Amino acid sequence: MGRMHSNGKGISRSSLPYRKVPPSWCKSDPEEVVSLITKYAKKGLVPSQIGVILRDSAGIPQVQQVTGSKILRILKVSGYAPELPEDLYFLIKKAVNMRKHLEKNKRDKDSKFRLILV
């Protein structure tokens, strides 16, 4: 959405820290972090959910800074990586739900248009 009195469209978002080493207050062991990641993957969580849980409950700011590799790469090595990429999976899920909605509501023109976009 554009601004009323200027030309900007706004791309405000957070950015990752430049330093590639973990912060001094983060005392997590890389092997411990990998075991937590595999434990949550066995429960059926996707990589983004694992990252949020590690950030909120375990106090790990960035897995890549602590372990040296990303969550998805750790899951691939341990054999728990999902078959489909996470973003593609959720796009397919959204399209299936839209089609189910359109079967019940055939005159919903807006949903037909949104399904084309998805």
Protein backbone atom coordinates (compact mmCIF):
# COMPACT_ATOMS: atom_id res chain seq x y z
CA MET A 1 0.00 0.00 0.00
CA GLY A 2 1.40 3.38 -0.99
CA ARG A 3 1.83 6.45 1.17
CA MET A 4 -0.55 9.38 0.82
CA HIS A 5 1.98 12.23 0.87
CA SER A 6 5.14 10.59 -0.46
CA ASN A 7 6.33 8.08 -3.03
CA GLY A 8 7.40 5.29 -0.64
CA LYS A 9 5.70 1.93 -0.39
CA GLY A 10 7.43 0.84 2.81
CA ILE A 11 9.55 -2.27 3.28
CA SER A 12 9.96 -2.17 7.04
CA ARG A 13 11.14 -5.48 8.48
CA SER A 14 13.67 -6.86 10.94
CA SER A 15 17.14 -7.84 9.81
CA LEU A 16 19.56 -10.47 11.03
CA PRO A 17 22.66 -9.36 12.93
CA TYR A 18 25.85 -9.01 10.89
CA ARG A 19 27.98 -11.06 13.27
CA LYS A 20 28.02 -14.80 12.53
CA VAL A 21 28.98 -15.91 16.05
CA PRO A 22 26.37 -16.57 18.75
CA PRO A 23 25.87 -13.85 21.38
CA SER A 24 27.87 -14.09 24.60
CA TRP A 25 24.72 -14.74 26.68
CA CYS A 26 23.77 -17.81 24.58
CA LYS A 27 25.38 -20.79 26.36
CA SER A 28 23.77 -23.55 24.26
CA ASP A 29 25.81 -26.52 23.10
CA PRO A 30 25.54 -27.35 19.34
CA GLU A 31 24.89 -31.04 20.04
CA GLU A 32 22.12 -30.12 22.47
CA VAL A 33 20.50 -27.86 19.86
CA VAL A 34 20.65 -30.60 17.20
CA SER A 35 19.03 -33.07 19.60
CA LEU A 36 16.24 -30.56 20.34
CA ILE A 37 15.67 -30.04 16.61
CA THR A 38 15.41 -33.77 15.93
CA LYS A 39 13.11 -34.22 18.94
CA TYR A 40 10.68 -31.60 17.64
CA ALA A 41 10.92 -33.00 14.10
CA LYS A 42 9.90 -36.44 15.40
CA LYS A 43 6.79 -34.79 16.85
CA GLY A 44 5.91 -33.60 13.33
CA LEU A 45 6.75 -29.89 13.53
CA VAL A 46 7.92 -27.99 10.45
CA PRO A 47 11.24 -26.08 10.47
CA SER A 48 9.71 -22.64 11.05
CA GLN A 49 7.77 -23.92 14.08
CA ILE A 50 10.94 -25.53 15.43
CA GLY A 51 12.78 -22.22 15.12
CA VAL A 52 10.04 -20.35 16.96
CA ILE A 53 10.00 -22.90 19.80
CA LEU A 54 13.79 -22.80 20.13
CA ARG A 55 13.73 -19.00 20.18
CA ASP A 56 10.92 -18.68 22.72
CA SER A 57 11.47 -21.57 25.12
CA ALA A 58 15.13 -22.60 24.78
CA GLY A 59 16.55 -19.08 24.36
CA ILE A 60 18.41 -19.81 21.11
CA PRO A 61 18.35 -16.68 18.92
CA GLN A 62 19.67 -18.15 15.65
CA VAL A 63 20.27 -21.86 15.12
CA GLN A 64 22.74 -21.17 12.31
CA GLN A 65 24.95 -19.10 14.62
CA VAL A 66 25.05 -21.82 17.27
CA THR A 67 25.37 -24.95 15.12
CA GLY A 68 26.84 -23.61 11.89
CA SER A 69 24.01 -24.99 9.74
CA LYS A 70 20.35 -24.18 9.26
CA ILE A 71 17.43 -26.15 10.69
CA LEU A 72 16.40 -27.66 7.35
CA ARG A 73 19.94 -28.86 6.63
CA ILE A 74 20.13 -30.47 10.08
CA LEU A 75 16.81 -32.22 9.35
CA LYS A 76 18.08 -33.44 5.96
CA VAL A 77 21.20 -34.93 7.55
CA SER A 78 19.18 -36.68 10.25
CA GLY A 79 16.54 -37.86 7.75
CA TYR A 80 13.55 -35.91 9.09
CA ALA A 81 13.24 -33.34 6.28
CA PRO A 82 9.77 -32.98 4.73
CA GLU A 83 9.25 -34.27 1.17
CA LEU A 84 7.74 -30.97 -0.01
CA PRO A 85 9.17 -27.56 0.86
CA GLU A 86 7.22 -25.93 3.66
CA ASP A 87 5.99 -22.91 1.68
CA LEU A 88 4.81 -25.07 -1.25
CA TYR A 89 3.00 -27.42 1.13
CA PHE A 90 1.03 -24.57 2.69
CA LEU A 91 0.17 -23.09 -0.74
CA ILE A 92 -1.25 -26.46 -1.82
CA LYS A 93 -3.16 -26.72 1.46
CA LYS A 94 -4.64 -23.25 0.94
CA ALA A 95 -5.71 -24.09 -2.63
CA VAL A 96 -7.39 -27.32 -1.48
CA ASN A 97 -9.32 -25.43 1.21
CA MET A 98 -10.40 -22.81 -1.33
CA ARG A 99 -11.64 -25.48 -3.71
CA LYS A 100 -13.59 -27.12 -0.89
CA HIS A 101 -15.14 -23.73 -0.08
CA LEU A 102 -16.02 -23.14 -3.75
CA GLU A 103 -17.83 -26.49 -3.94
CA LYS A 104 -20.22 -25.27 -1.25
CA ASN A 105 -20.38 -21.64 -2.44
CA LYS A 106 -20.38 -21.67 -6.22
CA ARG A 107 -21.28 -17.98 -6.58
CA ASP A 108 -18.35 -16.68 -4.53
CA LYS A 109 -16.59 -14.68 -7.25
CA ASP A 110 -13.91 -13.28 -4.95
CA SER A 111 -12.76 -16.74 -3.91
CA LYS A 112 -12.60 -17.81 -7.54
CA PHE A 113 -10.30 -14.88 -8.26
CA ARG A 114 -8.15 -15.57 -5.18
CA LEU A 115 -7.83 -19.22 -6.18
CA ILE A 116 -6.40 -18.11 -9.53
CA LEU A 117 -3.84 -16.00 -7.67
CA VAL A 118 -2.82 -18.92 -5.47
